[in-house]
């Protein structure tokens, strides 16, 4: 991994120098656009609307439109902002970890100690673990002031940038204002369904089926000289969910779901009997 930023966590008089790394990556296959008639590559160009020339990225400034006026902001203007110059990750408060709403989480970054002694880093990490607290921090990264949640994960300090409060939309759906009657039996069956699916979350047992199928399709096209039938590659799709449009009674759907889940669990726990060969 390559560090994308260097700074220091500060809380009180404590200073913890760190390097910042992206903690996640995209596993999607890179696809580009081509012309359907001849396969020619389609590219996007940064073309000036006044002179018509293609402009290099380093010659591009930012601009803000204010009605019929436009303010142009150069790279020097952006760099002159006090927040952009700061290399501090300032701890503003320590909060109970369960108070941070997951909907606010944005991007995740690992922090590596960047000093001759990692003692201050380890002290902060252990303190967060012992108190079950999350540090709310503020810092500037990539021309933006960020709000973040600093916590410990697998022995490493991790910052998860947070959305600002006004960036989270309010859920206002008129349908949810209607009075809905839920019977005790429906709630009981629904709870039974939850119990039948109850398990510990293990991320490694899940995979991105779409990307797996996309890889399979690409490999098949390569193997067969770019002439492949999709159905022949993937097989028949079987029944499509919701195809008939039938409205099923909620109680009946819950019963069927519970029974199906129980049957599946019974089958998975049964051990097949060993076959013994009879003497001839």
Foldseek 3Di string as FASTA:
>chain_A
DDFPAWAWEDDDHDTFTWTKAFPDDDPFDDDFDADPPPRHGDDDFCADPPPRDTDDPQPDWDWDDDDPDIDTAGPVNLCPDPQNPHRYWYFPDKAQPVVDDPVFFDTKIWIDGDDPDNVSVQVVQVVCVVVNIWTWTWGDDPSDIWTWTWHDDPNTIMITTTHPPVVDDDDDDPVVVDDDDDDPLLVVLQVLLCVLPDDDDDPVVDDDVVSVLVVQVVVVCVVVVNDDDSCVSVPDPPDDPCPVVDDDDSSVVSVVSSVVSVVVVVVVPDDDDDDDDDDD
